[in-house]
Amino acid sequence: MTIRVRLFAAYREVVGAGELELPAQAGMTVGAVWQSLVTRHPALAGQAPAAALNARLVEADTPLDAGDELAFLPPVSGG
């Protein structure tokens, strides 16, 4: 099973790509995908991204299905 992962802003810069296709195992969660990215790109460690699965905000324990699109969004600040 594969999923498409989209990365925005600083996450895209760290990874060097705005979109990835990653293999995922049945029952894998949003949080597990993030941890796999942190393992490959340690500069992401300590980040707390918002996650959107198929354009809906979700929690880290949300399970994935084949063909899902998962987006990680960095925190936004402003004023």
PDB file of N, CA and C in Angstrom:
ATOM      1  N   MET A   1       0.852  -1.159   0.000  1.00  0.00           N
ATOM      2  CA  MET A   1       0.000   0.000   0.000  1.00  0.00           C
ATOM      3  C   MET A   1       0.902   1.228   0.000  1.00  0.00           C
ATOM      4  N   THR A   2       0.508   2.242  -0.734  1.00  0.00           N
ATOM      5  CA  THR A   2       1.257   3.496  -0.741  1.00  0.00           C
ATOM      6  C   THR A   2       0.328   4.657  -0.393  1.00  0.00           C
ATOM      7  N   ILE A   3       0.929   5.682   0.153  1.00  0.00           N
ATOM      8  CA  ILE A   3       0.211   6.922   0.453  1.00  0.00           C
ATOM      9  C   ILE A   3       1.026   8.081  -0.120  1.00  0.00           C
ATOM     10  N   ARG A   4       0.336   9.164  -0.407  1.00  0.00           N
ATOM     11  CA  ARG A   4       1.016  10.369  -0.865  1.00  0.00           C
ATOM     12  C   ARG A   4       1.119  11.315   0.323  1.00  0.00           C
ATOM     13  N   VAL A   5       2.332  11.810   0.551  1.00  0.00           N
ATOM     14  CA  VAL A   5       2.588  12.733   1.663  1.00  0.00           C
ATOM     15  C   VAL A   5       2.977  14.076   1.075  1.00  0.00           C
ATOM     16  N   ARG A   6       2.295  15.112   1.513  1.00  0.00           N
ATOM     17  CA  ARG A   6       2.603  16.474   1.080  1.00  0.00           C
ATOM     18  C   ARG A   6       3.198  17.229   2.260  1.00  0.00           C
ATOM     19  N   LEU A   7       4.239  17.993   1.972  1.00  0.00           N
ATOM     20  CA  LEU A   7       4.954  18.749   2.996  1.00  0.00           C
ATOM     21  C   LEU A   7       4.955  20.216   2.608  1.00  0.00           C
ATOM     22  N   PHE A   8       4.782  21.078   3.591  1.00  0.00           N
ATOM     23  CA  PHE A   8       4.678  22.500   3.331  1.00  0.00           C
ATOM     24  C   PHE A   8       5.729  23.283   4.098  1.00  0.00           C
ATOM     25  N   ALA A   9       6.064  24.450   3.561  1.00  0.00           N
ATOM     26  CA  ALA A   9       6.945  25.443   4.182  1.00  0.00           C
ATOM     27  C   ALA A   9       8.273  24.814   4.619  1.00  0.00           C
ATOM     28  N   ALA A  10       8.636  24.991   5.877  1.00  0.00           N
ATOM     29  CA  ALA A  10       9.935  24.518   6.371  1.00  0.00           C
ATOM     30  C   ALA A  10      10.087  23.008   6.224  1.00  0.00           C
ATOM     31  N   TYR A  11       9.003  22.253   6.346  1.00  0.00           N
ATOM     32  CA  TYR A  11       9.103  20.787   6.195  1.00  0.00           C
ATOM     33  C   TYR A  11       9.550  20.435   4.788  1.00  0.00           C
ATOM     34  N   ARG A  12       9.017  21.120   3.811  1.00  0.00           N
ATOM     35  CA  ARG A  12       9.404  20.885   2.416  1.00  0.00           C
ATOM     36  C   ARG A  12      10.892  21.192   2.233  1.00  0.00           C
ATOM     37  N   GLU A  13      11.355  22.265   2.843  1.00  0.00           N
ATOM     38  CA  GLU A  13      12.765  22.635   2.719  1.00  0.00           C
ATOM     39  C   GLU A  13      13.679  21.591   3.357  1.00  0.00           C
ATOM     40  N   VAL A  14      13.317  21.086   4.523  1.00  0.00           N
ATOM     41  CA  VAL A  14      14.139  20.085   5.213  1.00  0.00           C
ATOM     42  C   VAL A  14      14.213  18.798   4.396  1.00  0.00           C
ATOM     43  N   VAL A  15      13.088  18.343   3.899  1.00  0.00           N
ATOM     44  CA  VAL A  15      13.031  17.069   3.174  1.00  0.00           C
ATOM     45  C   VAL A  15      13.561  17.215   1.748  1.00  0.00           C
ATOM     46  N   GLY A  16      13.429  18.413   1.179  1.00  0.00           N
ATOM     47  CA  GLY A  16      13.891  18.629  -0.182  1.00  0.00           C
ATOM     48  C   GLY A  16      12.869  18.267  -1.238  1.00  0.00           C
ATOM     49  N   ALA A  17      11.631  18.098  -0.807  1.00  0.00           N
ATOM     50  CA  ALA A  17      10.537  17.787  -1.736  1.00  0.00           C
ATOM     51  C   ALA A  17       9.225  18.199  -1.103  1.00  0.00           C
ATOM     52  N   GLY A  18       8.288  18.605  -1.938  1.00  0.00           N
ATOM     53  CA  GLY A  18       6.969  18.977  -1.440  1.00  0.00           C
ATOM     54  C   GLY A  18       5.995  17.827  -1.426  1.00  0.00           C
ATOM     55  N   GLU A  19       6.358  16.756  -2.107  1.00  0.00           N
ATOM     56  CA  GLU A  19       5.453  15.600  -2.198  1.00  0.00           C
ATOM     57  C   GLU A  19       6.271  14.317  -2.288  1.00  0.00           C
ATOM     58  N   LEU A  20       5.828  13.306  -1.548  1.00  0.00           N
ATOM     59  CA  LEU A  20       6.488  12.001  -1.538  1.00  0.00           C
ATOM     60  C   LEU A  20       5.438  10.906  -1.665  1.00  0.00           C
ATOM     61  N   GLU A  21       5.801   9.804  -2.273  1.00  0.00           N
ATOM     62  CA  GLU A  21       4.982   8.594  -2.201  1.00  0.00           C
ATOM     63  C   GLU A  21       5.720   7.643  -1.292  1.00  0.00           C
ATOM     64  N   LEU A  22       5.049   7.205  -0.224  1.00  0.00           N
ATOM     65  CA  LEU A  22       5.686   6.338   0.755  1.00  0.00           C
ATOM     66  C   LEU A  22       4.927   5.030   0.888  1.00  0.00           C
ATOM     67  N   PRO A  23       5.658   3.955   1.110  1.00  0.00           N
ATOM     68  CA  PRO A  23       4.968   2.706   1.411  1.00  0.00           C
ATOM     69  C   PRO A  23       4.390   2.779   2.819  1.00  0.00           C
ATOM     70  N   ALA A  24       3.246   2.196   3.009  1.00  0.00           N
ATOM     71  CA  ALA A  24       2.614   2.162   4.335  1.00  0.00           C
ATOM     72  C   ALA A  24       2.048   0.772   4.557  1.00  0.00           C
ATOM     73  N   GLN A  25       2.112   0.330   5.780  1.00  0.00           N
ATOM     74  CA  GLN A  25       1.576  -0.971   6.143  1.00  0.00           C
ATOM     75  C   GLN A  25       0.163  -0.819   6.663  1.00  0.00           C
ATOM     76  N   ALA A  26      -0.615  -1.874   6.538  1.00  0.00           N
ATOM     77  CA  ALA A  26      -1.983  -1.854   7.056  1.00  0.00           C
ATOM     78  C   ALA A  26      -1.957  -1.485   8.533  1.00  0.00           C
ATOM     79  N   GLY A  27      -2.842  -0.596   8.929  1.00  0.00           N
ATOM     80  CA  GLY A  27      -2.935  -0.176  10.319  1.00  0.00           C
ATOM     81  C   GLY A  27      -1.967   0.926  10.703  1.00  0.00           C
ATOM     82  N   MET A  28      -1.146   1.383   9.764  1.00  0.00           N
ATOM     83  CA  MET A  28      -0.202   2.455  10.058  1.00  0.00           C
ATOM     84  C   MET A  28      -0.972   3.739  10.356  1.00  0.00           C
ATOM     85  N   THR A  29      -0.426   4.553  11.243  1.00  0.00           N
ATOM     86  CA  THR A  29      -1.106   5.790  11.645  1.00  0.00           C
ATOM     87  C   THR A  29      -0.368   7.017  11.104  1.00  0.00           C
ATOM     88  N   VAL A  30      -1.042   8.140  11.203  1.00  0.00           N
ATOM     89  CA  VAL A  30      -0.461   9.422  10.820  1.00  0.00           C
ATOM     90  C   VAL A  30       0.828   9.658  11.607  1.00  0.00           C
ATOM     91  N   GLY A  31       0.795   9.402  12.898  1.00  0.00           N
ATOM     92  CA  GLY A  31       1.972   9.601  13.747  1.00  0.00           C
ATOM     93  C   GLY A  31       3.136   8.716  13.344  1.00  0.00           C
ATOM     94  N   ALA A  32       2.862   7.496  12.925  1.00  0.00           N
ATOM     95  CA  ALA A  32       3.926   6.585  12.490  1.00  0.00           C
ATOM     96  C   ALA A  32       4.593   7.097  11.218  1.00  0.00           C
ATOM     97  N   VAL A  33       3.822   7.687  10.333  1.00  0.00           N
ATOM     98  CA  VAL A  33       4.402   8.266   9.112  1.00  0.00           C
ATOM     99  C   VAL A  33       5.306   9.435   9.492  1.00  0.00           C
ATOM    100  N   TRP A  34       4.850  10.299  10.386  1.00  0.00           N
ATOM    101  CA  TRP A  34       5.672  11.416  10.813  1.00  0.00           C
ATOM    102  C   TRP A  34       6.981  10.908  11.421  1.00  0.00           C
ATOM    103  N   GLN A  35       6.895   9.884  12.271  1.00  0.00           N
ATOM    104  CA  GLN A  35       8.107   9.342  12.897  1.00  0.00           C
ATOM    105  C   GLN A  35       9.065   8.772  11.859  1.00  0.00           C
ATOM    106  N   SER A  36       8.540   8.161  10.808  1.00  0.00           N
ATOM    107  CA  SER A  36       9.420   7.637   9.759  1.00  0.00           C
ATOM    108  C   SER A  36      10.121   8.789   9.031  1.00  0.00           C
ATOM    109  N   LEU A  37       9.425   9.916   8.853  1.00  0.00           N
ATOM    110  CA  LEU A  37      10.061  11.082   8.249  1.00  0.00           C
ATOM    111  C   LEU A  37      11.149  11.655   9.164  1.00  0.00           C
ATOM    112  N   VAL A  38      10.881  11.693  10.465  1.00  0.00           N
ATOM    113  CA  VAL A  38      11.870  12.193  11.427  1.00  0.00           C
ATOM    114  C   VAL A  38      13.115  11.302  11.414  1.00  0.00           C
ATOM    115  N   THR A  39      12.915   9.995  11.297  1.00  0.00           N
ATOM    116  CA  THR A  39      14.048   9.079  11.241  1.00  0.00           C
ATOM    117  C   THR A  39      14.917   9.369  10.025  1.00  0.00           C
ATOM    118  N   ARG A  40      14.299   9.646   8.899  1.00  0.00           N
ATOM    119  CA  ARG A  40      15.042   9.939   7.663  1.00  0.00           C
ATOM    120  C   ARG A  40      15.597  11.356   7.634  1.00  0.00           C
ATOM    121  N   HIS A  41      14.947  12.267   8.339  1.00  0.00           N
ATOM    122  CA  HIS A  41      15.328  13.686   8.327  1.00  0.00           C
ATOM    123  C   HIS A  41      15.324  14.200   9.769  1.00  0.00           C
ATOM    124  N   PRO A  42      16.395  13.961  10.511  1.00  0.00           N
ATOM    125  CA  PRO A  42      16.429  14.321  11.934  1.00  0.00           C
ATOM    126  C   PRO A  42      16.148  15.792  12.232  1.00  0.00           C
ATOM    127  N   ALA A  43      16.313  16.683  11.275  1.00  0.00           N
ATOM    128  CA  ALA A  43      16.015  18.100  11.508  1.00  0.00           C
ATOM    129  C   ALA A  43      14.537  18.327  11.800  1.00  0.00           C
ATOM    130  N   LEU A  44      13.693  17.345  11.493  1.00  0.00           N
ATOM    131  CA  LEU A  44      12.262  17.456  11.790  1.00  0.00           C
ATOM    132  C   LEU A  44      11.936  17.119  13.249  1.00  0.00           C
ATOM    133  N   ALA A  45      12.896  16.537  13.959  1.00  0.00           N
ATOM    134  CA  ALA A  45      12.662  16.115  15.350  1.00  0.00           C
ATOM    135  C   ALA A  45      12.247  17.309  16.195  1.00  0.00           C
ATOM    136  N   GLY A  46      11.330  17.071  17.101  1.00  0.00           N
ATOM    137  CA  GLY A  46      10.854  18.103  18.003  1.00  0.00           C
ATOM    138  C   GLY A  46       9.763  18.983  17.421  1.00  0.00           C
ATOM    139  N   GLN A  47       9.412  18.752  16.185  1.00  0.00           N
ATOM    140  CA  GLN A  47       8.350  19.521  15.540  1.00  0.00           C
ATOM    141  C   GLN A  47       6.991  18.927  15.934  1.00  0.00           C
ATOM    142  N   ALA A  48       5.975  19.745  15.910  1.00  0.00           N
ATOM    143  CA  ALA A  48       4.620  19.291  16.220  1.00  0.00           C
ATOM    144  C   ALA A  48       3.693  19.726  15.082  1.00  0.00           C
ATOM    145  N   PRO A  49       3.690  18.972  13.993  1.00  0.00           N
ATOM    146  CA  PRO A  49       2.892  19.405  12.838  1.00  0.00           C
ATOM    147  C   PRO A  49       1.405  19.153  13.020  1.00  0.00           C
ATOM    148  N   ALA A  50       0.629  19.959  12.339  1.00  0.00           N
ATOM    149  CA  ALA A  50      -0.784  19.623  12.156  1.00  0.00           C
ATOM    150  C   ALA A  50      -0.810  18.645  10.983  1.00  0.00           C
ATOM    151  N   ALA A  51      -1.777  17.750  10.973  1.00  0.00           N
ATOM    152  CA  ALA A  51      -1.873  16.771   9.899  1.00  0.00           C
ATOM    153  C   ALA A  51      -3.269  16.807   9.297  1.00  0.00           C
ATOM    154  N   ALA A  52      -3.302  16.738   7.990  1.00  0.00           N
ATOM    155  CA  ALA A  52      -4.572  16.669   7.270  1.00  0.00           C
ATOM    156  C   ALA A  52      -4.561  15.407   6.424  1.00  0.00           C
ATOM    157  N   LEU A  53      -5.596  14.602   6.595  1.00  0.00           N
ATOM    158  CA  LEU A  53      -5.738  13.363   5.840  1.00  0.00           C
ATOM    159  C   LEU A  53      -6.908  13.540   4.892  1.00  0.00           C
ATOM    160  N   ASN A  54      -6.607  13.479   3.611  1.00  0.00           N
ATOM    161  CA  ASN A  54      -7.626  13.687   2.579  1.00  0.00           C
ATOM    162  C   ASN A  54      -8.387  14.995   2.828  1.00  0.00           C
ATOM    163  N   ALA A  55      -7.596  16.048   3.127  1.00  0.00           N
ATOM    164  CA  ALA A  55      -8.093  17.419   3.306  1.00  0.00           C
ATOM    165  C   ALA A  55      -8.907  17.644   4.583  1.00  0.00           C
ATOM    166  N   ARG A  56      -8.783  16.754   5.569  1.00  0.00           N
ATOM    167  CA  ARG A  56      -9.459  16.941   6.862  1.00  0.00           C
ATOM    168  C   ARG A  56      -8.430  16.849   7.971  1.00  0.00           C
ATOM    169  N   LEU A  57      -8.444  17.799   8.898  1.00  0.00           N
ATOM    170  CA  LEU A  57      -7.507  17.750  10.016  1.00  0.00           C
ATOM    171  C   LEU A  57      -7.770  16.509  10.864  1.00  0.00           C
ATOM    172  N   VAL A  58      -6.679  15.827  11.240  1.00  0.00           N
ATOM    173  CA  VAL A  58      -6.794  14.582  11.995  1.00  0.00           C
ATOM    174  C   VAL A  58      -5.746  14.554  13.111  1.00  0.00           C
ATOM    175  N   GLU A  59      -5.909  13.609  14.011  1.00  0.00           N
ATOM    176  CA  GLU A  59      -4.966  13.378  15.104  1.00  0.00           C
ATOM    177  C   GLU A  59      -3.916  12.353  14.677  1.00  0.00           C
ATOM    178  N   ALA A  60      -2.834  12.275  15.445  1.00  0.00           N
ATOM    179  CA  ALA A  60      -1.724  11.381  15.127  1.00  0.00           C
ATOM    180  C   ALA A  60      -2.105   9.905  15.140  1.00  0.00           C
ATOM    181  N   ASP A  61      -3.139   9.536  15.894  1.00  0.00           N
ATOM    182  CA  ASP A  61      -3.513   8.123  15.993  1.00  0.00           C
ATOM    183  C   ASP A  61      -4.497   7.678  14.902  1.00  0.00           C
ATOM    184  N   THR A  62      -4.741   8.527  13.914  1.00  0.00           N
ATOM    185  CA  THR A  62      -5.665   8.195  12.824  1.00  0.00           C
ATOM    186  C   THR A  62      -5.018   7.181  11.891  1.00  0.00           C
ATOM    187  N   PRO A  63      -5.704   6.059  11.618  1.00  0.00           N
ATOM    188  CA  PRO A  63      -5.141   5.056  10.713  1.00  0.00           C
ATOM    189  C   PRO A  63      -5.253   5.486   9.250  1.00  0.00           C
ATOM    190  N   LEU A  64      -4.352   4.946   8.427  1.00  0.00           N
ATOM    191  CA  LEU A  64      -4.288   5.263   7.003  1.00  0.00           C
ATOM    192  C   LEU A  64      -4.823   4.122   6.156  1.00  0.00           C
ATOM    193  N   ASP A  65      -5.293   4.469   4.968  1.00  0.00           N
ATOM    194  CA  ASP A  65      -5.730   3.492   3.973  1.00  0.00           C
ATOM    195  C   ASP A  65      -4.931   3.713   2.690  1.00  0.00           C
ATOM    196  N   ALA A  66      -4.888   2.701   1.861  1.00  0.00           N
ATOM    197  CA  ALA A  66      -4.197   2.804   0.581  1.00  0.00           C
ATOM    198  C   ALA A  66      -4.746   3.984  -0.210  1.00  0.00           C
ATOM    199  N   GLY A  67      -3.842   4.726  -0.840  1.00  0.00           N
ATOM    200  CA  GLY A  67      -4.248   5.843  -1.670  1.00  0.00           C
ATOM    201  C   GLY A  67      -4.532   7.136  -0.940  1.00  0.00           C
ATOM    202  N   ASP A  68      -4.402   7.148   0.388  1.00  0.00           N
ATOM    203  CA  ASP A  68      -4.650   8.371   1.148  1.00  0.00           C
ATOM    204  C   ASP A  68      -3.642   9.453   0.791  1.00  0.00           C
ATOM    205  N   GLU A  69      -4.070  10.706   0.965  1.00  0.00           N
ATOM    206  CA  GLU A  69      -3.166  11.844   0.852  1.00  0.00           C
ATOM    207  C   GLU A  69      -3.039  12.461   2.237  1.00  0.00           C
ATOM    208  N   LEU A  70      -1.818  12.506   2.724  1.00  0.00           N
ATOM    209  CA  LEU A  70      -1.522  13.008   4.061  1.00  0.00           C
ATOM    210  C   LEU A  70      -0.664  14.257   3.926  1.00  0.00           C
ATOM    211  N   ALA A  71      -1.072  15.341   4.546  1.00  0.00           N
ATOM    212  CA  ALA A  71      -0.312  16.582   4.506  1.00  0.00           C
ATOM    213  C   ALA A  71       0.129  16.952   5.910  1.00  0.00           C
ATOM    214  N   PHE A  72       1.404  17.370   6.025  1.00  0.00           N
ATOM    215  CA  PHE A  72       1.924  17.866   7.289  1.00  0.00           C
ATOM    216  C   PHE A  72       2.133  19.361   7.167  1.00  0.00           C
ATOM    217  N   LEU A  73       1.545  20.095   8.122  1.00  0.00           N
ATOM    218  CA  LEU A  73       1.558  21.554   8.105  1.00  0.00           C
ATOM    219  C   LEU A  73       2.297  22.067   9.339  1.00  0.00           C
ATOM    220  N   PRO A  74       3.317  22.889   9.147  1.00  0.00           N
ATOM    221  CA  PRO A  74       4.035  23.422  10.318  1.00  0.00           C
ATOM    222  C   PRO A  74       3.185  24.419  11.073  1.00  0.00           C
ATOM    223  N   PRO A  75       3.526  24.655  12.339  1.00  0.00           N
ATOM    224  CA  PRO A  75       2.808  25.669  13.103  1.00  0.00           C
ATOM    225  C   PRO A  75       2.940  27.028  12.421  1.00  0.00           C
ATOM    226  N   VAL A  76       1.921  27.836  12.561  1.00  0.00           N
ATOM    227  CA  VAL A  76       1.903  29.167  11.936  1.00  0.00           C
ATOM    228  C   VAL A  76       1.850  30.194  13.044  1.00  0.00           C
ATOM    229  N   SER A  77       2.662  31.233  12.888  1.00  0.00           N
ATOM    230  CA  SER A  77       2.586  32.331  13.848  1.00  0.00           C
ATOM    231  C   SER A  77       2.447  33.635  13.071  1.00  0.00           C
ATOM    232  N   GLY A  78       1.978  34.587  13.742  1.00  0.00           N
ATOM    233  CA  GLY A  78       1.812  35.875  13.073  1.00  0.00           C
ATOM    234  C   GLY A  78       1.209  36.887  14.031  1.00  0.00           C
ATOM    235  N   GLY A  79       0.954  37.990  13.505  1.00  0.00           N
ATOM    236  CA  GLY A  79       0.391  38.977  14.398  1.00  0.00           C
ATOM    237  C   GLY A  79      -0.004  40.220  13.676  1.00  0.00           C
TER     238      GLY A  79
END
